[in-house]
PDB file of all heavy atoms in Angstrom:
ATOM      1  N   TYR A   1       0.855  -1.168   0.017  1.00  0.00           N
ATOM      2  CA  TYR A   1       0.020  -0.013  -0.035  1.00  0.00           C
ATOM      3  C   TYR A   1       0.902   1.230   0.001  1.00  0.00           C
ATOM      4  O   TYR A   1       1.596   1.532   0.991  1.00  0.00           O
ATOM      5  CB  TYR A   1      -0.861  -0.055   1.191  1.00  0.00           C
ATOM      6  CG  TYR A   1      -1.983   1.120   1.306  1.00  0.00           C
ATOM      7  CD1 TYR A   1      -3.279   0.861   0.766  1.00  0.00           C
ATOM      8  CD2 TYR A   1      -1.624   2.353   1.880  1.00  0.00           C
ATOM      9  CE1 TYR A   1      -4.129   1.832   0.838  1.00  0.00           C
ATOM     10  CE2 TYR A   1      -2.616   3.314   1.934  1.00  0.00           C
ATOM     11  CZ  TYR A   1      -3.912   3.063   1.375  1.00  0.00           C
ATOM     12  OH  TYR A   1      -4.854   4.016   1.440  1.00  0.00           O
ATOM     13  N   THR A   2       0.896   1.965  -1.063  1.00  0.00           N
ATOM     14  CA  THR A   2       1.856   3.013  -1.211  1.00  0.00           C
ATOM     15  C   THR A   2       1.106   4.405  -1.386  1.00  0.00           C
ATOM     16  O   THR A   2       1.728   5.438  -1.684  1.00  0.00           O
ATOM     17  CB  THR A   2       2.732   2.918  -2.495  1.00  0.00           C
ATOM     18  OG1 THR A   2       1.876   2.707  -3.636  1.00  0.00           O
ATOM     19  CG2 THR A   2       3.685   1.693  -2.329  1.00  0.00           C
ATOM     20  N   GLY A   3      -0.189   4.341  -0.971  1.00  0.00           N
ATOM     21  CA  GLY A   3      -0.954   5.637  -0.999  1.00  0.00           C
ATOM     22  C   GLY A   3      -2.385   5.380  -1.303  1.00  0.00           C
ATOM     23  O   GLY A   3      -2.821   4.221  -1.566  1.00  0.00           O
ATOM     24  N   GLU A   4      -3.248   6.471  -1.422  1.00  0.00           N
ATOM     25  CA  GLU A   4      -4.637   6.261  -1.669  1.00  0.00           C
ATOM     26  C   GLU A   4      -4.888   5.582  -2.963  1.00  0.00           C
ATOM     27  O   GLU A   4      -4.150   5.728  -3.928  1.00  0.00           O
ATOM     28  CB  GLU A   4      -5.265   7.683  -1.601  1.00  0.00           C
ATOM     29  CG  GLU A   4      -5.600   8.283  -0.256  1.00  0.00           C
ATOM     30  CD  GLU A   4      -6.807   7.624   0.438  1.00  0.00           C
ATOM     31  OE1 GLU A   4      -7.923   7.725  -0.129  1.00  0.00           O
ATOM     32  OE2 GLU A   4      -6.519   7.011   1.511  1.00  0.00           O
ATOM     33  N   PHE A   5      -5.935   4.898  -3.037  1.00  0.00           N
ATOM     34  CA  PHE A   5      -6.325   4.198  -4.283  1.00  0.00           C
ATOM     35  C   PHE A   5      -6.874   5.232  -5.280  1.00  0.00           C
ATOM     36  O   PHE A   5      -7.826   5.939  -5.033  1.00  0.00           O
ATOM     37  CB  PHE A   5      -7.491   3.186  -4.018  1.00  0.00           C
ATOM     38  CG  PHE A   5      -7.969   2.392  -5.180  1.00  0.00           C
ATOM     39  CD1 PHE A   5      -7.273   1.286  -5.653  1.00  0.00           C
ATOM     40  CD2 PHE A   5      -9.172   2.699  -5.813  1.00  0.00           C
ATOM     41  CE1 PHE A   5      -7.742   0.552  -6.754  1.00  0.00           C
ATOM     42  CE2 PHE A   5      -9.641   1.994  -6.989  1.00  0.00           C
ATOM     43  CZ  PHE A   5      -8.948   0.915  -7.450  1.00  0.00           C
ATOM     44  N   LEU A   6      -6.161   5.235  -6.516  1.00  0.00           N
ATOM     45  CA  LEU A   6      -6.499   6.136  -7.612  1.00  0.00           C
ATOM     46  C   LEU A   6      -6.875   7.558  -7.122  1.00  0.00           C
ATOM     47  O   LEU A   6      -8.070   8.053  -7.269  1.00  0.00           O
ATOM     48  CB  LEU A   6      -7.619   5.611  -8.460  1.00  0.00           C
ATOM     49  CG  LEU A   6      -7.319   4.359  -9.242  1.00  0.00           C
ATOM     50  CD1 LEU A   6      -8.550   3.822 -10.012  1.00  0.00           C
ATOM     51  CD2 LEU A   6      -6.147   4.551 -10.171  1.00  0.00           C
ATOM     52  N   PRO A   7      -6.059   8.304  -6.405  1.00  0.00           N
ATOM     53  CA  PRO A   7      -6.276   9.558  -5.814  1.00  0.00           C
ATOM     54  C   PRO A   7      -6.901  10.665  -6.846  1.00  0.00           C
ATOM     55  O   PRO A   7      -7.719  11.477  -6.460  1.00  0.00           O
ATOM     56  CB  PRO A   7      -5.048  10.097  -5.218  1.00  0.00           C
ATOM     57  CG  PRO A   7      -3.933   9.327  -5.887  1.00  0.00           C
ATOM     58  CD  PRO A   7      -4.617   7.930  -6.263  1.00  0.00           C
ATOM     59  N   ALA A   8      -6.428  10.575  -8.091  1.00  0.00           N
ATOM     60  CA  ALA A   8      -6.833  11.548  -9.092  1.00  0.00           C
ATOM     61  C   ALA A   8      -8.308  11.416  -9.466  1.00  0.00           C
ATOM     62  O   ALA A   8      -8.990  12.244 -10.038  1.00  0.00           O
ATOM     63  CB  ALA A   8      -5.957  11.474 -10.372  1.00  0.00           C
ATOM     64  N   GLN A   9      -8.895  10.138  -9.220  1.00  0.00           N
ATOM     65  CA  GLN A   9     -10.318   9.868  -9.535  1.00  0.00           C
ATOM     66  C   GLN A   9     -11.109   9.753  -8.350  1.00  0.00           C
ATOM     67  O   GLN A   9     -12.067   9.007  -8.250  1.00  0.00           O
ATOM     68  CB  GLN A   9     -10.432   8.567 -10.335  1.00  0.00           C
ATOM     69  CG  GLN A   9     -10.152   8.689 -11.898  1.00  0.00           C
ATOM     70  CD  GLN A   9      -8.723   8.983 -12.191  1.00  0.00           C
ATOM     71  OE1 GLN A   9      -8.262  10.081 -12.405  1.00  0.00           O
ATOM     72  NE2 GLN A   9      -7.920   7.936 -12.339  1.00  0.00           N
ATOM     73  N   ALA A  10     -10.772  10.419  -7.325  1.00  0.00           N
ATOM     74  CA  ALA A  10     -11.496  10.211  -5.931  1.00  0.00           C
ATOM     75  C   ALA A  10     -12.868  10.647  -6.022  1.00  0.00           C
ATOM     76  O   ALA A  10     -13.715  10.223  -5.182  1.00  0.00           O
ATOM     77  CB  ALA A  10     -10.757  11.128  -4.864  1.00  0.00           C
ATOM     78  N   GLY A  11     -13.259  11.473  -7.010  1.00  0.00           N
ATOM     79  CA  GLY A  11     -14.666  11.916  -7.145  1.00  0.00           C
ATOM     80  C   GLY A  11     -15.591  10.875  -7.816  1.00  0.00           C
ATOM     81  O   GLY A  11     -16.830  11.099  -7.866  1.00  0.00           O
ATOM     82  N   VAL A  12     -15.011   9.824  -8.394  1.00  0.00           N
ATOM     83  CA  VAL A  12     -15.752   8.733  -9.030  1.00  0.00           C
ATOM     84  C   VAL A  12     -16.298   7.732  -7.938  1.00  0.00           C
ATOM     85  O   VAL A  12     -15.554   7.301  -7.068  1.00  0.00           O
ATOM     86  CB  VAL A  12     -14.912   8.066 -10.135  1.00  0.00           C
ATOM     87  CG1 VAL A  12     -15.691   6.968 -10.791  1.00  0.00           C
ATOM     88  CG2 VAL A  12     -14.404   9.116 -11.177  1.00  0.00           C
ATOM     89  N   LEU A  13     -17.500   7.460  -8.006  1.00  0.00           N
ATOM     90  CA  LEU A  13     -18.121   6.706  -6.951  1.00  0.00           C
ATOM     91  C   LEU A  13     -17.446   5.355  -6.596  1.00  0.00           C
ATOM     92  O   LEU A  13     -17.091   5.072  -5.523  1.00  0.00           O
ATOM     93  CB  LEU A  13     -19.617   6.416  -7.244  1.00  0.00           C
ATOM     94  CG  LEU A  13     -20.340   5.708  -6.192  1.00  0.00           C
ATOM     95  CD1 LEU A  13     -20.356   6.378  -4.852  1.00  0.00           C
ATOM     96  CD2 LEU A  13     -21.905   5.460  -6.588  1.00  0.00           C
ATOM     97  N   TRP A  14     -17.186   4.539  -7.695  1.00  0.00           N
ATOM     98  CA  TRP A  14     -16.629   3.218  -7.467  1.00  0.00           C
ATOM     99  C   TRP A  14     -15.244   3.341  -6.861  1.00  0.00           C
ATOM    100  O   TRP A  14     -14.811   2.500  -6.078  1.00  0.00           O
ATOM    101  CB  TRP A  14     -16.710   2.411  -8.753  1.00  0.00           C
ATOM    102  CG  TRP A  14     -15.546   2.589  -9.728  1.00  0.00           C
ATOM    103  CD1 TRP A  14     -15.623   3.548 -10.764  1.00  0.00           C
ATOM    104  CD2 TRP A  14     -14.323   2.044  -9.799  1.00  0.00           C
ATOM    105  NE1 TRP A  14     -14.468   3.521 -11.458  1.00  0.00           N
ATOM    106  CE2 TRP A  14     -13.620   2.554 -10.902  1.00  0.00           C
ATOM    107  CE3 TRP A  14     -13.628   1.034  -9.105  1.00  0.00           C
ATOM    108  CZ2 TRP A  14     -12.325   2.264 -11.243  1.00  0.00           C
ATOM    109  CZ3 TRP A  14     -12.307   0.715  -9.372  1.00  0.00           C
ATOM    110  CH2 TRP A  14     -11.684   1.263 -10.485  1.00  0.00           C
ATOM    111  N   VAL A  15     -14.475   4.378  -7.382  1.00  0.00           N
ATOM    112  CA  VAL A  15     -13.145   4.655  -6.904  1.00  0.00           C
ATOM    113  C   VAL A  15     -13.125   5.003  -5.368  1.00  0.00           C
ATOM    114  O   VAL A  15     -12.376   4.512  -4.583  1.00  0.00           O
ATOM    115  CB  VAL A  15     -12.486   5.699  -7.646  1.00  0.00           C
ATOM    116  CG1 VAL A  15     -11.077   6.068  -7.144  1.00  0.00           C
ATOM    117  CG2 VAL A  15     -12.263   5.278  -9.138  1.00  0.00           C
ATOM    118  N   ALA A  16     -14.067   6.007  -5.099  1.00  0.00           N
ATOM    119  CA  ALA A  16     -14.209   6.346  -3.693  1.00  0.00           C
ATOM    120  C   ALA A  16     -14.556   5.159  -2.691  1.00  0.00           C
ATOM    121  O   ALA A  16     -13.974   5.056  -1.684  1.00  0.00           O
ATOM    122  CB  ALA A  16     -15.241   7.414  -3.529  1.00  0.00           C
ATOM    123  N   GLN A  17     -15.396   4.252  -3.211  1.00  0.00           N
ATOM    124  CA  GLN A  17     -15.737   3.036  -2.398  1.00  0.00           C
ATOM    125  C   GLN A  17     -14.615   2.176  -2.171  1.00  0.00           C
ATOM    126  O   GLN A  17     -14.332   1.647  -1.111  1.00  0.00           O
ATOM    127  CB  GLN A  17     -16.924   2.366  -3.031  1.00  0.00           C
ATOM    128  CG  GLN A  17     -18.268   3.156  -3.024  1.00  0.00           C
ATOM    129  CD  GLN A  17     -19.332   2.562  -3.898  1.00  0.00           C
ATOM    130  OE1 GLN A  17     -19.076   1.713  -4.786  1.00  0.00           O
ATOM    131  NE2 GLN A  17     -20.603   2.783  -3.626  1.00  0.00           N
ATOM    132  N   GLU A  18     -13.859   2.017  -3.234  1.00  0.00           N
ATOM    133  CA  GLU A  18     -12.694   1.128  -3.127  1.00  0.00           C
ATOM    134  C   GLU A  18     -11.591   1.727  -2.315  1.00  0.00           C
ATOM    135  O   GLU A  18     -10.948   1.053  -1.533  1.00  0.00           O
ATOM    136  CB  GLU A  18     -12.073   0.699  -4.548  1.00  0.00           C
ATOM    137  CG  GLU A  18     -12.939  -0.282  -5.271  1.00  0.00           C
ATOM    138  CD  GLU A  18     -12.860  -1.670  -4.625  1.00  0.00           C
ATOM    139  OE1 GLU A  18     -13.505  -1.953  -3.607  1.00  0.00           O
ATOM    140  OE2 GLU A  18     -12.028  -2.568  -5.223  1.00  0.00           O
ATOM    141  N   ALA A  19     -11.369   3.013  -2.469  1.00  0.00           N
ATOM    142  CA  ALA A  19     -10.392   3.726  -1.733  1.00  0.00           C
ATOM    143  C   ALA A  19     -10.630   3.549  -0.223  1.00  0.00           C
ATOM    144  O   ALA A  19      -9.759   3.366   0.589  1.00  0.00           O
ATOM    145  CB  ALA A  19     -10.333   5.234  -2.087  1.00  0.00           C
ATOM    146  N   LYS A  20     -11.936   3.718   0.141  1.00  0.00           N
ATOM    147  CA  LYS A  20     -12.408   3.618   1.619  1.00  0.00           C
ATOM    148  C   LYS A  20     -12.052   2.153   2.093  1.00  0.00           C
ATOM    149  O   LYS A  20     -11.544   1.966   3.155  1.00  0.00           O
ATOM    150  CB  LYS A  20     -13.789   4.005   1.738  1.00  0.00           C
ATOM    151  CG  LYS A  20     -14.263   3.873   3.157  1.00  0.00           C
ATOM    152  CD  LYS A  20     -15.743   4.215   3.306  1.00  0.00           C
ATOM    153  CE  LYS A  20     -16.272   4.180   4.686  1.00  0.00           C
ATOM    154  NZ  LYS A  20     -17.723   4.509   4.752  1.00  0.00           N
ATOM    155  N   ARG A  21     -12.346   1.169   1.290  1.00  0.00           N
ATOM    156  CA  ARG A  21     -12.199  -0.236   1.653  1.00  0.00           C
ATOM    157  C   ARG A  21     -10.775  -0.477   1.826  1.00  0.00           C
ATOM    158  O   ARG A  21     -10.373  -1.143   2.801  1.00  0.00           O
ATOM    159  CB  ARG A  21     -12.853  -1.123   0.564  1.00  0.00           C
ATOM    160  CG  ARG A  21     -12.773  -2.621   1.010  1.00  0.00           C
ATOM    161  CD  ARG A  21     -13.570  -3.421  -0.036  1.00  0.00           C
ATOM    162  NE  ARG A  21     -12.954  -3.470  -1.320  1.00  0.00           N
ATOM    163  CZ  ARG A  21     -12.042  -4.472  -1.527  1.00  0.00           C
ATOM    164  NH1 ARG A  21     -11.654  -5.275  -0.659  1.00  0.00           N
ATOM    165  NH2 ARG A  21     -11.393  -4.447  -2.809  1.00  0.00           N
ATOM    166  N   TYR A  22      -9.862  -0.065   0.891  1.00  0.00           N
ATOM    167  CA  TYR A  22      -8.488  -0.332   1.049  1.00  0.00           C
ATOM    168  C   TYR A  22      -7.776   0.420   2.081  1.00  0.00           C
ATOM    169  O   TYR A  22      -6.893  -0.141   2.800  1.00  0.00           O
ATOM    170  CB  TYR A  22      -7.701   0.008  -0.291  1.00  0.00           C
ATOM    171  CG  TYR A  22      -7.949  -0.987  -1.481  1.00  0.00           C
ATOM    172  CD1 TYR A  22      -8.472  -0.625  -2.639  1.00  0.00           C
ATOM    173  CD2 TYR A  22      -7.629  -2.353  -1.254  1.00  0.00           C
ATOM    174  CE1 TYR A  22      -8.738  -1.526  -3.579  1.00  0.00           C
ATOM    175  CE2 TYR A  22      -7.752  -3.290  -2.206  1.00  0.00           C
ATOM    176  CZ  TYR A  22      -8.375  -2.930  -3.408  1.00  0.00           C
ATOM    177  OH  TYR A  22      -8.565  -3.771  -4.500  1.00  0.00           O
ATOM    178  N   ARG A  23      -8.285   1.591   2.446  1.00  0.00           N
ATOM    179  CA  ARG A  23      -7.747   2.437   3.503  1.00  0.00           C
ATOM    180  C   ARG A  23      -7.962   1.655   4.835  1.00  0.00           C
ATOM    181  O   ARG A  23      -7.139   1.569   5.727  1.00  0.00           O
ATOM    182  CB  ARG A  23      -8.368   3.757   3.611  1.00  0.00           C
ATOM    183  CG  ARG A  23      -7.741   4.799   4.505  1.00  0.00           C
ATOM    184  CD  ARG A  23      -8.531   6.079   4.503  1.00  0.00           C
ATOM    185  NE  ARG A  23      -8.848   6.588   3.167  1.00  0.00           N
ATOM    186  CZ  ARG A  23     -10.043   6.793   2.649  1.00  0.00           C
ATOM    187  NH1 ARG A  23     -11.098   6.677   3.443  1.00  0.00           N
ATOM    188  NH2 ARG A  23     -10.259   7.285   1.467  1.00  0.00           N
ATOM    189  N   SER A  24      -9.247   1.089   4.949  1.00  0.00           N
ATOM    190  CA  SER A  24      -9.625   0.353   6.159  1.00  0.00           C
ATOM    191  C   SER A  24      -8.786  -0.927   6.292  1.00  0.00           C
ATOM    192  O   SER A  24      -8.277  -1.234   7.392  1.00  0.00           O
ATOM    193  CB  SER A  24     -11.126  -0.042   6.134  1.00  0.00           C
ATOM    194  OG  SER A  24     -11.496  -0.853   7.217  1.00  0.00           O
ATOM    195  N   LEU A  25      -8.531  -1.603   5.172  1.00  0.00           N
ATOM    196  CA  LEU A  25      -7.669  -2.781   5.203  1.00  0.00           C
ATOM    197  C   LEU A  25      -6.234  -2.417   5.637  1.00  0.00           C
ATOM    198  O   LEU A  25      -5.602  -3.077   6.424  1.00  0.00           O
ATOM    199  CB  LEU A  25      -7.607  -3.435   3.781  1.00  0.00           C
ATOM    200  CG  LEU A  25      -8.814  -4.316   3.464  1.00  0.00           C
ATOM    201  CD1 LEU A  25      -8.696  -4.687   1.969  1.00  0.00           C
ATOM    202  CD2 LEU A  25      -8.992  -5.511   4.255  1.00  0.00           C
ATOM    203  N   PHE A  26      -5.740  -1.272   5.176  1.00  0.00           N
ATOM    204  CA  PHE A  26      -4.354  -0.750   5.521  1.00  0.00           C
ATOM    205  C   PHE A  26      -4.268  -0.514   7.012  1.00  0.00           C
ATOM    206  O   PHE A  26      -3.374  -0.977   7.643  1.00  0.00           O
ATOM    207  CB  PHE A  26      -3.994   0.380   4.689  1.00  0.00           C
ATOM    208  CG  PHE A  26      -2.631   0.957   4.996  1.00  0.00           C
ATOM    209  CD1 PHE A  26      -1.521   0.227   4.761  1.00  0.00           C
ATOM    210  CD2 PHE A  26      -2.591   2.187   5.649  1.00  0.00           C
ATOM    211  CE1 PHE A  26      -0.238   0.764   5.016  1.00  0.00           C
ATOM    212  CE2 PHE A  26      -1.301   2.706   5.963  1.00  0.00           C
ATOM    213  CZ  PHE A  26      -0.153   2.005   5.667  1.00  0.00           C
ATOM    214  N   TYR A  27      -5.307   0.219   7.523  1.00  0.00           N
ATOM    215  CA  TYR A  27      -5.288   0.466   9.007  1.00  0.00           C
ATOM    216  C   TYR A  27      -5.198  -0.817   9.884  1.00  0.00           C
ATOM    217  O   TYR A  27      -4.427  -0.915  10.706  1.00  0.00           O
ATOM    218  CB  TYR A  27      -6.605   1.288   9.282  1.00  0.00           C
ATOM    219  CG  TYR A  27      -6.590   2.737   8.869  1.00  0.00           C
ATOM    220  CD1 TYR A  27      -5.519   3.227   8.091  1.00  0.00           C
ATOM    221  CD2 TYR A  27      -7.677   3.519   9.251  1.00  0.00           C
ATOM    222  CE1 TYR A  27      -5.557   4.556   7.683  1.00  0.00           C
ATOM    223  CE2 TYR A  27      -7.662   4.860   8.745  1.00  0.00           C
ATOM    224  CZ  TYR A  27      -6.646   5.394   8.078  1.00  0.00           C
ATOM    225  OH  TYR A  27      -6.690   6.719   7.546  1.00  0.00           O
ATOM    226  N   SER A  28      -6.073  -1.788   9.507  1.00  0.00           N
ATOM    227  CA  SER A  28      -6.125  -3.049  10.152  1.00  0.00           C
ATOM    228  C   SER A  28      -4.810  -3.790  10.036  1.00  0.00           C
ATOM    229  O   SER A  28      -4.286  -4.322  11.044  1.00  0.00           O
ATOM    230  CB  SER A  28      -7.328  -3.855   9.570  1.00  0.00           C
ATOM    231  OG  SER A  28      -7.274  -5.178  10.163  1.00  0.00           O
ATOM    232  N   CYS A  29      -4.207  -3.676   8.820  1.00  0.00           N
ATOM    233  CA  CYS A  29      -2.954  -4.422   8.627  1.00  0.00           C
ATOM    234  C   CYS A  29      -1.869  -3.848   9.487  1.00  0.00           C
ATOM    235  O   CYS A  29      -1.024  -4.529  10.104  1.00  0.00           O
ATOM    236  CB  CYS A  29      -2.585  -4.412   7.129  1.00  0.00           C
ATOM    237  SG  CYS A  29      -1.097  -5.341   6.628  1.00  0.00           S
ATOM    238  N   VAL A  30      -1.766  -2.480   9.549  1.00  0.00           N
ATOM    239  CA  VAL A  30      -0.753  -1.892  10.344  1.00  0.00           C
ATOM    240  C   VAL A  30      -0.981  -2.091  11.811  1.00  0.00           C
ATOM    241  O   VAL A  30       0.014  -2.433  12.499  1.00  0.00           O
ATOM    242  CB  VAL A  30      -0.860  -0.269  10.136  1.00  0.00           C
ATOM    243  CG1 VAL A  30       0.179   0.402  11.080  1.00  0.00           C
ATOM    244  CG2 VAL A  30      -0.385   0.067   8.693  1.00  0.00           C
ATOM    245  N   GLU A  31      -2.194  -2.119  12.253  1.00  0.00           N
ATOM    246  CA  GLU A  31      -2.453  -2.376  13.585  1.00  0.00           C
ATOM    247  C   GLU A  31      -2.049  -3.843  14.014  1.00  0.00           C
ATOM    248  O   GLU A  31      -1.544  -3.986  15.163  1.00  0.00           O
ATOM    249  CB  GLU A  31      -3.934  -2.095  13.929  1.00  0.00           C
ATOM    250  CG  GLU A  31      -4.376  -0.658  14.007  1.00  0.00           C
ATOM    251  CD  GLU A  31      -5.849  -0.434  13.889  1.00  0.00           C
ATOM    252  OE1 GLU A  31      -6.587  -1.520  13.890  1.00  0.00           O
ATOM    253  OE2 GLU A  31      -6.306   0.760  13.988  1.00  0.00           O
ATOM    254  N   LYS A  32      -2.371  -4.711  13.224  1.00  0.00           N
ATOM    255  CA  LYS A  32      -1.903  -6.145  13.460  1.00  0.00           C
ATOM    256  C   LYS A  32      -0.449  -6.287  13.402  1.00  0.00           C
ATOM    257  O   LYS A  32       0.151  -7.031  14.217  1.00  0.00           O
ATOM    258  CB  LYS A  32      -2.651  -7.101  12.468  1.00  0.00           C
ATOM    259  CG  LYS A  32      -4.042  -7.176  12.699  1.00  0.00           C
ATOM    260  CD  LYS A  32      -4.806  -8.026  11.544  1.00  0.00           C
ATOM    261  CE  LYS A  32      -6.287  -8.091  11.802  1.00  0.00           C
ATOM    262  NZ  LYS A  32      -6.950  -8.828  10.728  1.00  0.00           N
ATOM    263  N   THR A  33       0.235  -5.639  12.538  1.00  0.00           N
ATOM    264  CA  THR A  33       1.697  -5.666  12.448  1.00  0.00           C
ATOM    265  C   THR A  33       2.297  -5.029  13.722  1.00  0.00           C
ATOM    266  O   THR A  33       3.268  -5.606  14.317  1.00  0.00           O
ATOM    267  CB  THR A  33       2.226  -4.848  11.207  1.00  0.00           C
ATOM    268  OG1 THR A  33       1.634  -5.344  10.081  1.00  0.00           O
ATOM    269  CG2 THR A  33       3.703  -4.934  11.070  1.00  0.00           C
ATOM    270  N   VAL A  34       1.760  -3.960  14.116  1.00  0.00           N
ATOM    271  CA  VAL A  34       2.300  -3.328  15.321  1.00  0.00           C
ATOM    272  C   VAL A  34       2.128  -4.152  16.609  1.00  0.00           C
ATOM    273  O   VAL A  34       2.975  -4.285  17.414  1.00  0.00           O
ATOM    274  CB  VAL A  34       1.629  -1.906  15.523  1.00  0.00           C
ATOM    275  CG1 VAL A  34       1.908  -1.271  16.927  1.00  0.00           C
ATOM    276  CG2 VAL A  34       2.065  -0.923  14.415  1.00  0.00           C
TER     277      VAL A  34
END
């Protein structure tokens, strides 16, 4: 995970939904790693 999912298309609905999902996965992954 090297940054937000497709940040230039953040206003597109499907992109925003996937960005939110991947952000949540990243948070969980970091917490479990820590």
